[in-house]
Amino acid sequence: MDALVLTVQDEGVGIQEEELNHLFKGTHLFSRTGTANEQGSGMGTALVMEYMKLFGGSIEVQSVHRTQNPQSGTKVHLVFPKYEYRGKG
């Protein structure tokens, strides 16, 4: 499949595996204190998932939590389907 993939990567605390399994199921909002003690609402993940559904795309997440490895972090791939513009003329 031809697609455009936008990847966002950080070196933060990571996401625990049990949370990854529920990340996009819409049943939980996840918000954890980050590496700079910042706090989120947990709404960003839900909003991104809804937008990706509208675009016909998907989200892939890879993460290593700091309890598993000191080189923790998360990588998020936003996969957009190829779109060919067929305008007038």
N, C-alpha and C. Protein backbone atom coordinates (compact mmCIF):
# COMPACT_ATOMS: atom_id res chain seq x y z
N MET A 1 0.85 -1.19 0.00
CA MET A 1 0.00 0.00 0.00
C MET A 1 0.89 1.24 0.00
N ASP A 2 0.58 2.15 -0.86
CA ASP A 2 1.28 3.43 -0.86
C ASP A 2 0.71 4.29 0.26
N ALA A 3 1.60 4.83 1.05
CA ALA A 3 1.15 5.64 2.18
C ALA A 3 2.20 6.67 2.52
N LEU A 4 1.75 7.69 3.21
CA LEU A 4 2.64 8.68 3.79
C LEU A 4 2.70 8.38 5.28
N VAL A 5 3.91 8.23 5.81
CA VAL A 5 4.07 7.92 7.23
C VAL A 5 4.78 9.08 7.92
N LEU A 6 4.12 9.62 8.93
CA LEU A 6 4.69 10.67 9.76
C LEU A 6 5.08 10.03 11.08
N THR A 7 6.36 10.12 11.44
CA THR A 7 6.85 9.51 12.67
C THR A 7 7.25 10.57 13.67
N VAL A 8 6.78 10.41 14.90
CA VAL A 8 7.12 11.28 16.01
C VAL A 8 7.78 10.41 17.07
N GLN A 9 8.96 10.82 17.53
CA GLN A 9 9.71 10.02 18.49
C GLN A 9 10.20 10.89 19.64
N ASP A 10 10.16 10.32 20.85
CA ASP A 10 10.71 11.04 21.99
C ASP A 10 11.59 10.11 22.81
N GLU A 11 12.25 10.68 23.79
CA GLU A 11 13.09 9.92 24.70
C GLU A 11 12.58 10.09 26.12
N GLY A 12 11.24 10.09 26.25
CA GLY A 12 10.61 10.29 27.55
C GLY A 12 10.56 9.01 28.36
N VAL A 13 9.60 8.95 29.29
CA VAL A 13 9.50 7.82 30.21
C VAL A 13 8.96 6.56 29.56
N GLY A 14 8.34 6.69 28.40
CA GLY A 14 7.77 5.54 27.71
C GLY A 14 6.39 5.19 28.23
N ILE A 15 5.79 4.19 27.61
CA ILE A 15 4.44 3.73 27.97
C ILE A 15 4.54 2.26 28.35
N GLN A 16 3.95 1.89 29.47
CA GLN A 16 4.00 0.50 29.89
C GLN A 16 3.17 -0.36 28.95
N GLU A 17 3.58 -1.62 28.79
CA GLU A 17 2.96 -2.53 27.83
C GLU A 17 1.46 -2.70 28.05
N GLU A 18 1.03 -2.82 29.32
CA GLU A 18 -0.40 -3.00 29.57
C GLU A 18 -1.20 -1.76 29.16
N GLU A 19 -0.59 -0.58 29.23
CA GLU A 19 -1.26 0.64 28.77
C GLU A 19 -1.27 0.71 27.25
N LEU A 20 -0.22 0.24 26.60
CA LEU A 20 -0.18 0.21 25.14
C LEU A 20 -1.35 -0.60 24.58
N ASN A 21 -1.68 -1.70 25.24
CA ASN A 21 -2.76 -2.57 24.77
C ASN A 21 -4.12 -1.89 24.80
N HIS A 22 -4.27 -0.85 25.62
CA HIS A 22 -5.55 -0.14 25.76
C HIS A 22 -5.51 1.28 25.21
N LEU A 23 -4.39 1.66 24.66
CA LEU A 23 -4.16 3.06 24.29
C LEU A 23 -5.22 3.64 23.37
N PHE A 24 -5.66 2.88 22.37
CA PHE A 24 -6.60 3.41 21.38
C PHE A 24 -7.95 2.72 21.41
N LYS A 25 -8.27 2.08 22.52
CA LYS A 25 -9.56 1.40 22.62
C LYS A 25 -10.68 2.32 23.05
N GLY A 26 -10.34 3.53 23.51
CA GLY A 26 -11.35 4.51 23.89
C GLY A 26 -11.99 4.28 25.24
N THR A 27 -11.50 3.30 25.99
CA THR A 27 -12.09 3.01 27.29
C THR A 27 -11.33 3.67 28.43
N HIS A 28 -10.11 4.13 28.18
CA HIS A 28 -9.30 4.75 29.21
C HIS A 28 -8.64 6.02 28.65
N LEU A 29 -8.54 7.03 29.47
CA LEU A 29 -7.71 8.18 29.14
C LEU A 29 -6.43 8.04 29.94
N PHE A 30 -5.30 8.10 29.28
CA PHE A 30 -4.03 7.92 29.96
C PHE A 30 -3.31 9.24 30.08
N SER A 31 -2.89 9.52 31.27
CA SER A 31 -2.08 10.71 31.51
C SER A 31 -1.11 10.39 32.62
N ARG A 32 0.16 10.50 32.31
CA ARG A 32 1.21 10.24 33.29
C ARG A 32 2.12 11.44 33.36
N THR A 33 2.77 11.61 34.49
CA THR A 33 3.75 12.67 34.63
C THR A 33 4.92 12.39 33.70
N GLY A 34 5.33 13.38 32.94
CA GLY A 34 6.41 13.22 31.98
C GLY A 34 7.77 13.45 32.58
N THR A 35 8.78 13.45 31.74
CA THR A 35 10.15 13.59 32.20
C THR A 35 10.43 14.95 32.82
N ALA A 36 9.67 15.97 32.44
CA ALA A 36 9.85 17.31 33.03
C ALA A 36 8.73 17.61 34.02
N ASN A 37 8.12 16.54 34.57
CA ASN A 37 7.01 16.63 35.53
C ASN A 37 5.78 17.31 34.95
N GLU A 38 5.64 17.32 33.62
CA GLU A 38 4.45 17.89 33.01
C GLU A 38 3.30 16.90 33.11
N GLN A 39 2.09 17.43 33.16
CA GLN A 39 0.90 16.61 33.28
C GLN A 39 -0.02 16.91 32.11
N GLY A 40 -0.57 15.88 31.51
CA GLY A 40 -1.50 16.06 30.40
C GLY A 40 -2.90 15.64 30.81
N SER A 41 -3.84 15.83 29.91
CA SER A 41 -5.23 15.46 30.18
C SER A 41 -5.56 14.07 29.69
N GLY A 42 -4.74 13.53 28.77
CA GLY A 42 -5.03 12.24 28.18
C GLY A 42 -5.92 12.32 26.97
N MET A 43 -6.36 13.52 26.62
CA MET A 43 -7.28 13.70 25.48
C MET A 43 -6.58 13.67 24.13
N GLY A 44 -5.30 13.98 24.09
CA GLY A 44 -4.59 14.05 22.81
C GLY A 44 -4.62 12.75 22.03
N THR A 45 -4.42 11.65 22.72
CA THR A 45 -4.42 10.35 22.06
C THR A 45 -5.78 10.07 21.43
N ALA A 46 -6.85 10.32 22.17
CA ALA A 46 -8.19 10.09 21.65
C ALA A 46 -8.48 10.97 20.44
N LEU A 47 -8.05 12.23 20.49
CA LEU A 47 -8.28 13.15 19.37
C LEU A 47 -7.51 12.72 18.12
N VAL A 48 -6.25 12.34 18.30
CA VAL A 48 -5.46 11.89 17.15
C VAL A 48 -6.08 10.65 16.53
N MET A 49 -6.55 9.72 17.34
CA MET A 49 -7.18 8.51 16.81
C MET A 49 -8.42 8.85 15.99
N GLU A 50 -9.23 9.77 16.47
CA GLU A 50 -10.43 10.16 15.73
C GLU A 50 -10.08 10.81 14.39
N TYR A 51 -9.06 11.67 14.40
CA TYR A 51 -8.63 12.29 13.14
C TYR A 51 -8.09 11.25 12.16
N MET A 52 -7.33 10.30 12.67
CA MET A 52 -6.78 9.28 11.78
C MET A 52 -7.90 8.43 11.17
N LYS A 53 -8.95 8.17 11.92
CA LYS A 53 -10.11 7.45 11.38
C LYS A 53 -10.74 8.25 10.25
N LEU A 54 -10.87 9.57 10.45
CA LEU A 54 -11.46 10.43 9.41
C LEU A 54 -10.63 10.42 8.13
N PHE A 55 -9.30 10.37 8.29
CA PHE A 55 -8.40 10.35 7.13
C PHE A 55 -8.29 8.96 6.51
N GLY A 56 -8.85 7.95 7.16
CA GLY A 56 -8.72 6.58 6.66
C GLY A 56 -7.34 6.00 6.95
N GLY A 57 -6.66 6.55 7.93
CA GLY A 57 -5.32 6.11 8.26
C GLY A 57 -5.27 5.25 9.50
N SER A 58 -4.07 5.04 10.00
CA SER A 58 -3.89 4.22 11.19
C SER A 58 -2.73 4.77 12.02
N ILE A 59 -2.63 4.26 13.23
CA ILE A 59 -1.56 4.66 14.14
C ILE A 59 -0.84 3.41 14.62
N GLU A 60 0.48 3.48 14.61
CA GLU A 60 1.31 2.40 15.13
C GLU A 60 2.20 2.99 16.22
N VAL A 61 2.29 2.32 17.36
CA VAL A 61 3.06 2.83 18.49
C VAL A 61 4.05 1.77 18.97
N GLN A 62 5.28 2.21 19.17
CA GLN A 62 6.32 1.38 19.78
C GLN A 62 6.83 2.16 20.98
N SER A 63 6.97 1.49 22.12
CA SER A 63 7.42 2.20 23.30
C SER A 63 8.20 1.28 24.23
N VAL A 64 9.19 1.87 24.89
CA VAL A 64 9.96 1.18 25.92
C VAL A 64 9.85 2.03 27.18
N HIS A 65 9.29 1.46 28.24
CA HIS A 65 9.12 2.18 29.50
C HIS A 65 10.43 2.20 30.27
N ARG A 66 10.64 3.25 31.04
CA ARG A 66 11.90 3.42 31.77
C ARG A 66 12.16 2.31 32.78
N THR A 67 11.12 1.57 33.22
CA THR A 67 11.34 0.44 34.12
C THR A 67 11.94 -0.76 33.39
N GLN A 68 11.85 -0.76 32.06
CA GLN A 68 12.40 -1.85 31.25
C GLN A 68 13.80 -1.56 30.75
N ASN A 69 14.07 -0.28 30.52
CA ASN A 69 15.34 0.10 29.92
C ASN A 69 15.57 1.59 30.21
N PRO A 70 16.77 1.96 30.65
CA PRO A 70 17.03 3.39 30.89
C PRO A 70 16.96 4.23 29.63
N GLN A 71 17.11 3.61 28.46
CA GLN A 71 16.96 4.33 27.19
C GLN A 71 15.52 4.20 26.72
N SER A 72 14.62 4.81 27.49
CA SER A 72 13.19 4.69 27.23
C SER A 72 12.75 5.70 26.17
N GLY A 73 11.52 5.54 25.75
CA GLY A 73 10.95 6.47 24.79
C GLY A 73 9.83 5.84 24.00
N THR A 74 9.20 6.66 23.19
CA THR A 74 8.06 6.23 22.40
C THR A 74 8.21 6.71 20.97
N LYS A 75 7.79 5.86 20.05
CA LYS A 75 7.78 6.21 18.63
C LYS A 75 6.36 5.97 18.11
N VAL A 76 5.77 7.01 17.52
CA VAL A 76 4.41 6.94 16.99
C VAL A 76 4.47 7.16 15.49
N HIS A 77 3.86 6.24 14.75
CA HIS A 77 3.78 6.34 13.28
C HIS A 77 2.33 6.65 12.92
N LEU A 78 2.10 7.78 12.27
CA LEU A 78 0.78 8.11 11.72
C LEU A 78 0.83 7.73 10.25
N VAL A 79 0.01 6.77 9.86
CA VAL A 79 0.03 6.22 8.50
C VAL A 79 -1.18 6.75 7.74
N PHE A 80 -0.91 7.62 6.77
CA PHE A 80 -1.96 8.21 5.94
C PHE A 80 -2.01 7.49 4.60
N PRO A 81 -3.20 7.11 4.14
CA PRO A 81 -3.28 6.47 2.83
C PRO A 81 -2.92 7.45 1.73
N LYS A 82 -2.41 6.91 0.64
CA LYS A 82 -2.05 7.76 -0.50
C LYS A 82 -3.33 8.37 -1.07
N TYR A 83 -3.26 9.65 -1.34
CA TYR A 83 -4.40 10.36 -1.90
C TYR A 83 -3.95 11.04 -3.18
N GLU A 84 -4.69 10.82 -4.22
CA GLU A 84 -4.36 11.45 -5.49
C GLU A 84 -5.42 12.49 -5.80
N TYR A 85 -5.00 13.74 -5.88
CA TYR A 85 -5.93 14.82 -6.17
C TYR A 85 -6.35 14.77 -7.64
N ARG A 86 -7.62 14.81 -7.87
CA ARG A 86 -8.15 14.79 -9.24
C ARG A 86 -9.04 16.01 -9.43
N GLY A 87 -8.40 17.16 -9.43
CA GLY A 87 -9.12 18.43 -9.57
C GLY A 87 -9.55 18.68 -11.00
N LYS A 88 -10.18 19.79 -11.20
CA LYS A 88 -10.64 20.18 -12.54
C LYS A 88 -9.45 20.56 -13.40
N GLY A 89 -9.57 20.23 -14.67
CA GLY A 89 -8.59 20.69 -15.64
C GLY A 89 -7.52 19.77 -15.85
